[in-house]
Amino acid sequence: MSSNPDAYDYLAESIRAWPDQPALAERLRKAGWSKVAWRNLSGGIVALHRGFKIP
């Protein structure tokens, strides 16, 4: 779709590098967030993560 497909290689690389839902939730927990959970949207293409962090 583009005249320069190499310019968009970063998109595929970024998608592959992004953690899945459980891995992202674990990263949030390690960063100090509690009650971390997520909800898949659009069949899991998008996920909404949430948590609580008390300062």
PDB file of N, CA and C in Angstrom:
ATOM      1  N   MET A   1       0.804  -1.193   0.000  1.00  0.00           N
ATOM      2  CA  MET A   1       0.000   0.000   0.000  1.00  0.00           C
ATOM      3  C   MET A   1       0.851   1.264   0.000  1.00  0.00           C
ATOM      4  N   SER A   2       2.125   1.106   0.253  1.00  0.00           N
ATOM      5  CA  SER A   2       2.988   2.274   0.337  1.00  0.00           C
ATOM      6  C   SER A   2       4.062   2.196  -0.746  1.00  0.00           C
ATOM      7  N   SER A   3       4.529   3.343  -1.162  1.00  0.00           N
ATOM      8  CA  SER A   3       5.624   3.361  -2.126  1.00  0.00           C
ATOM      9  C   SER A   3       6.958   3.020  -1.470  1.00  0.00           C
ATOM     10  N   ASN A   4       6.987   3.042  -0.126  1.00  0.00           N
ATOM     11  CA  ASN A   4       8.202   2.709   0.619  1.00  0.00           C
ATOM     12  C   ASN A   4       7.845   1.772   1.769  1.00  0.00           C
ATOM     13  N   PRO A   5       7.613   0.487   1.483  1.00  0.00           N
ATOM     14  CA  PRO A   5       7.187  -0.431   2.545  1.00  0.00           C
ATOM     15  C   PRO A   5       8.205  -0.582   3.669  1.00  0.00           C
ATOM     16  N   ASP A   6       9.492  -0.378   3.375  1.00  0.00           N
ATOM     17  CA  ASP A   6      10.507  -0.498   4.431  1.00  0.00           C
ATOM     18  C   ASP A   6      10.304   0.531   5.530  1.00  0.00           C
ATOM     19  N   ALA A   7       9.698   1.658   5.174  1.00  0.00           N
ATOM     20  CA  ALA A   7       9.459   2.705   6.170  1.00  0.00           C
ATOM     21  C   ALA A   7       8.477   2.247   7.238  1.00  0.00           C
ATOM     22  N   TYR A   8       7.717   1.195   6.956  1.00  0.00           N
ATOM     23  CA  TYR A   8       6.706   0.726   7.896  1.00  0.00           C
ATOM     24  C   TYR A   8       7.099  -0.577   8.591  1.00  0.00           C
ATOM     25  N   ASP A   9       8.327  -1.033   8.385  1.00  0.00           N
ATOM     26  CA  ASP A   9       8.790  -2.240   9.065  1.00  0.00           C
ATOM     27  C   ASP A   9       8.718  -2.100  10.580  1.00  0.00           C
ATOM     28  N   TYR A  10       8.922  -0.890  11.074  1.00  0.00           N
ATOM     29  CA  TYR A  10       8.897  -0.682  12.515  1.00  0.00           C
ATOM     30  C   TYR A  10       7.535  -1.044  13.111  1.00  0.00           C
ATOM     31  N   LEU A  11       6.471  -0.939  12.340  1.00  0.00           N
ATOM     32  CA  LEU A  11       5.147  -1.280  12.868  1.00  0.00           C
ATOM     33  C   LEU A  11       5.073  -2.759  13.224  1.00  0.00           C
ATOM     34  N   ALA A  12       5.490  -3.617  12.314  1.00  0.00           N
ATOM     35  CA  ALA A  12       5.478  -5.057  12.585  1.00  0.00           C
ATOM     36  C   ALA A  12       6.428  -5.393  13.727  1.00  0.00           C
ATOM     37  N   GLU A  13       7.581  -4.762  13.758  1.00  0.00           N
ATOM     38  CA  GLU A  13       8.541  -5.008  14.838  1.00  0.00           C
ATOM     39  C   GLU A  13       7.979  -4.566  16.175  1.00  0.00           C
ATOM     40  N   SER A  14       7.301  -3.438  16.191  1.00  0.00           N
ATOM     41  CA  SER A  14       6.709  -2.926  17.421  1.00  0.00           C
ATOM     42  C   SER A  14       5.619  -3.862  17.935  1.00  0.00           C
ATOM     43  N   ILE A  15       4.805  -4.377  17.035  1.00  0.00           N
ATOM     44  CA  ILE A  15       3.741  -5.304  17.436  1.00  0.00           C
ATOM     45  C   ILE A  15       4.340  -6.574  18.026  1.00  0.00           C
ATOM     46  N   ARG A  16       5.383  -7.094  17.389  1.00  0.00           N
ATOM     47  CA  ARG A  16       6.023  -8.320  17.904  1.00  0.00           C
ATOM     48  C   ARG A  16       6.682  -8.084  19.252  1.00  0.00           C
ATOM     49  N   ALA A  17       7.216  -6.890  19.479  1.00  0.00           N
ATOM     50  CA  ALA A  17       7.931  -6.603  20.724  1.00  0.00           C
ATOM     51  C   ALA A  17       6.992  -6.297  21.891  1.00  0.00           C
ATOM     52  N   TRP A  18       5.746  -5.932  21.600  1.00  0.00           N
ATOM     53  CA  TRP A  18       4.813  -5.560  22.660  1.00  0.00           C
ATOM     54  C   TRP A  18       4.431  -6.792  23.465  1.00  0.00           C
ATOM     55  N   PRO A  19       4.413  -6.715  24.784  1.00  0.00           N
ATOM     56  CA  PRO A  19       4.077  -7.889  25.596  1.00  0.00           C
ATOM     57  C   PRO A  19       2.598  -8.258  25.484  1.00  0.00           C
ATOM     58  N   ASP A  20       2.306  -9.533  25.692  1.00  0.00           N
ATOM     59  CA  ASP A  20       0.909  -9.960  25.709  1.00  0.00           C
ATOM     60  C   ASP A  20       0.258  -9.488  27.011  1.00  0.00           C
ATOM     61  N   GLN A  21      -1.016  -9.729  27.166  1.00  0.00           N
ATOM     62  CA  GLN A  21      -1.765  -9.202  28.305  1.00  0.00           C
ATOM     63  C   GLN A  21      -1.182  -9.636  29.653  1.00  0.00           C
ATOM     64  N   PRO A  22      -0.931 -10.927  29.874  1.00  0.00           N
ATOM     65  CA  PRO A  22      -0.369 -11.325  31.168  1.00  0.00           C
ATOM     66  C   PRO A  22       1.016 -10.718  31.425  1.00  0.00           C
ATOM     67  N   ALA A  23       1.839 -10.632  30.404  1.00  0.00           N
ATOM     68  CA  ALA A  23       3.177 -10.072  30.584  1.00  0.00           C
ATOM     69  C   ALA A  23       3.116  -8.584  30.903  1.00  0.00           C
ATOM     70  N   LEU A  24       2.228  -7.851  30.253  1.00  0.00           N
ATOM     71  CA  LEU A  24       2.087  -6.425  30.565  1.00  0.00           C
ATOM     72  C   LEU A  24       1.548  -6.242  31.974  1.00  0.00           C
ATOM     73  N   ALA A  25       0.592  -7.077  32.366  1.00  0.00           N
ATOM     74  CA  ALA A  25       0.058  -6.999  33.730  1.00  0.00           C
ATOM     75  C   ALA A  25       1.169  -7.244  34.751  1.00  0.00           C
ATOM     76  N   GLU A  26       2.045  -8.184  34.480  1.00  0.00           N
ATOM     77  CA  GLU A  26       3.153  -8.457  35.402  1.00  0.00           C
ATOM     78  C   GLU A  26       4.107  -7.276  35.483  1.00  0.00           C
ATOM     79  N   ARG A  27       4.355  -6.640  34.373  1.00  0.00           N
ATOM     80  CA  ARG A  27       5.211  -5.438  34.391  1.00  0.00           C
ATOM     81  C   ARG A  27       4.586  -4.350  35.248  1.00  0.00           C
ATOM     82  N   LEU A  28       3.271  -4.184  35.144  1.00  0.00           N
ATOM     83  CA  LEU A  28       2.586  -3.177  35.961  1.00  0.00           C
ATOM     84  C   LEU A  28       2.699  -3.524  37.443  1.00  0.00           C
ATOM     85  N   ARG A  29       2.532  -4.797  37.784  1.00  0.00           N
ATOM     86  CA  ARG A  29       2.670  -5.218  39.184  1.00  0.00           C
ATOM     87  C   ARG A  29       4.074  -4.934  39.702  1.00  0.00           C
ATOM     88  N   LYS A  30       5.067  -5.253  38.900  1.00  0.00           N
ATOM     89  CA  LYS A  30       6.462  -5.011  39.309  1.00  0.00           C
ATOM     90  C   LYS A  30       6.750  -3.523  39.460  1.00  0.00           C
ATOM     91  N   ALA A  31       5.982  -2.684  38.788  1.00  0.00           N
ATOM     92  CA  ALA A  31       6.151  -1.229  38.885  1.00  0.00           C
ATOM     93  C   ALA A  31       5.390  -0.655  40.077  1.00  0.00           C
ATOM     94  N   GLY A  32       4.749  -1.540  40.862  1.00  0.00           N
ATOM     95  CA  GLY A  32       4.092  -1.072  42.074  1.00  0.00           C
ATOM     96  C   GLY A  32       2.587  -0.946  41.994  1.00  0.00           C
ATOM     97  N   TRP A  33       1.990  -1.354  40.913  1.00  0.00           N
ATOM     98  CA  TRP A  33       0.535  -1.292  40.778  1.00  0.00           C
ATOM     99  C   TRP A  33      -0.084  -2.536  41.406  1.00  0.00           C
ATOM    100  N   SER A  34      -1.270  -2.398  41.974  1.00  0.00           N
ATOM    101  CA  SER A  34      -1.970  -3.537  42.570  1.00  0.00           C
ATOM    102  C   SER A  34      -3.324  -3.730  41.891  1.00  0.00           C
ATOM    103  N   LYS A  35      -3.938  -4.863  42.165  1.00  0.00           N
ATOM    104  CA  LYS A  35      -5.240  -5.200  41.577  1.00  0.00           C
ATOM    105  C   LYS A  35      -5.230  -4.993  40.065  1.00  0.00           C
ATOM    106  N   VAL A  36      -4.150  -5.424  39.434  1.00  0.00           N
ATOM    107  CA  VAL A  36      -4.001  -5.270  37.989  1.00  0.00           C
ATOM    108  C   VAL A  36      -4.906  -6.292  37.290  1.00  0.00           C
ATOM    109  N   ALA A  37      -5.614  -5.830  36.303  1.00  0.00           N
ATOM    110  CA  ALA A  37      -6.489  -6.697  35.514  1.00  0.00           C
ATOM    111  C   ALA A  37      -6.584  -6.103  34.115  1.00  0.00           C
ATOM    112  N   TRP A  38      -7.115  -6.868  33.207  1.00  0.00           N
ATOM    113  CA  TRP A  38      -7.318  -6.360  31.860  1.00  0.00           C
ATOM    114  C   TRP A  38      -8.589  -6.936  31.275  1.00  0.00           C
ATOM    115  N   ARG A  39      -9.067  -6.253  30.263  1.00  0.00           N
ATOM    116  CA  ARG A  39     -10.246  -6.705  29.529  1.00  0.00           C
ATOM    117  C   ARG A  39      -9.913  -6.642  28.046  1.00  0.00           C
ATOM    118  N   ASN A  40     -10.092  -7.753  27.374  1.00  0.00           N
ATOM    119  CA  ASN A  40      -9.868  -7.789  25.936  1.00  0.00           C
ATOM    120  C   ASN A  40     -11.025  -7.114  25.220  1.00  0.00           C
ATOM    121  N   LEU A  41     -10.694  -6.346  24.211  1.00  0.00           N
ATOM    122  CA  LEU A  41     -11.667  -5.697  23.351  1.00  0.00           C
ATOM    123  C   LEU A  41     -11.384  -6.131  21.912  1.00  0.00           C
ATOM    124  N   SER A  42     -12.367  -6.114  21.091  1.00  0.00           N
ATOM    125  CA  SER A  42     -12.212  -6.474  19.674  1.00  0.00           C
ATOM    126  C   SER A  42     -11.559  -7.841  19.510  1.00  0.00           C
ATOM    127  N   GLY A  43     -12.006  -8.799  20.310  1.00  0.00           N
ATOM    128  CA  GLY A  43     -11.486 -10.159  20.189  1.00  0.00           C
ATOM    129  C   GLY A  43     -10.040 -10.302  20.625  1.00  0.00           C
ATOM    130  N   GLY A  44      -9.552  -9.393  21.462  1.00  0.00           N
ATOM    131  CA  GLY A  44      -8.183  -9.471  21.946  1.00  0.00           C
ATOM    132  C   GLY A  44      -7.194  -8.665  21.133  1.00  0.00           C
ATOM    133  N   ILE A  45      -7.663  -8.009  20.087  1.00  0.00           N
ATOM    134  CA  ILE A  45      -6.774  -7.156  19.304  1.00  0.00           C
ATOM    135  C   ILE A  45      -6.329  -5.962  20.142  1.00  0.00           C
ATOM    136  N   VAL A  46      -7.219  -5.519  21.017  1.00  0.00           N
ATOM    137  CA  VAL A  46      -6.961  -4.411  21.933  1.00  0.00           C
ATOM    138  C   VAL A  46      -7.268  -4.903  23.335  1.00  0.00           C
ATOM    139  N   ALA A  47      -6.494  -4.471  24.302  1.00  0.00           N
ATOM    140  CA  ALA A  47      -6.765  -4.828  25.693  1.00  0.00           C
ATOM    141  C   ALA A  47      -6.673  -3.570  26.548  1.00  0.00           C
ATOM    142  N   LEU A  48      -7.592  -3.452  27.475  1.00  0.00           N
ATOM    143  CA  LEU A  48      -7.604  -2.333  28.407  1.00  0.00           C
ATOM    144  C   LEU A  48      -7.109  -2.847  29.748  1.00  0.00           C
ATOM    145  N   HIS A  49      -5.945  -2.368  30.177  1.00  0.00           N
ATOM    146  CA  HIS A  49      -5.381  -2.748  31.479  1.00  0.00           C
ATOM    147  C   HIS A  49      -5.751  -1.689  32.501  1.00  0.00           C
ATOM    148  N   ARG A  50      -5.912  -2.122  33.737  1.00  0.00           N
ATOM    149  CA  ARG A  50      -6.202  -1.186  34.821  1.00  0.00           C
ATOM    150  C   ARG A  50      -5.523  -1.676  36.090  1.00  0.00           C
ATOM    151  N   GLY A  51      -5.314  -0.754  36.989  1.00  0.00           N
ATOM    152  CA  GLY A  51      -4.707  -1.087  38.273  1.00  0.00           C
ATOM    153  C   GLY A  51      -4.772   0.115  39.190  1.00  0.00           C
ATOM    154  N   PHE A  52      -4.302  -0.089  40.401  1.00  0.00           N
ATOM    155  CA  PHE A  52      -4.303   0.962  41.414  1.00  0.00           C
ATOM    156  C   PHE A  52      -2.894   1.163  41.913  1.00  0.00           C
ATOM    157  N   LYS A  53      -2.531   2.425  42.092  1.00  0.00           N
ATOM    158  CA  LYS A  53      -1.228   2.754  42.652  1.00  0.00           C
ATOM    159  C   LYS A  53      -1.424   3.875  43.653  1.00  0.00           C
ATOM    160  N   ILE A  54      -1.102   3.573  44.879  1.00  0.00           N
ATOM    161  CA  ILE A  54      -1.230   4.564  45.934  1.00  0.00           C
ATOM    162  C   ILE A  54       0.137   5.224  46.117  1.00  0.00           C
ATOM    163  N   PRO A  55       0.182   6.544  46.033  1.00  0.00           N
ATOM    164  CA  PRO A  55       1.478   7.254  46.129  1.00  0.00           C
ATOM    165  C   PRO A  55       2.129   7.102  47.478  1.00  0.00           C
TER     166      PRO A  55
END
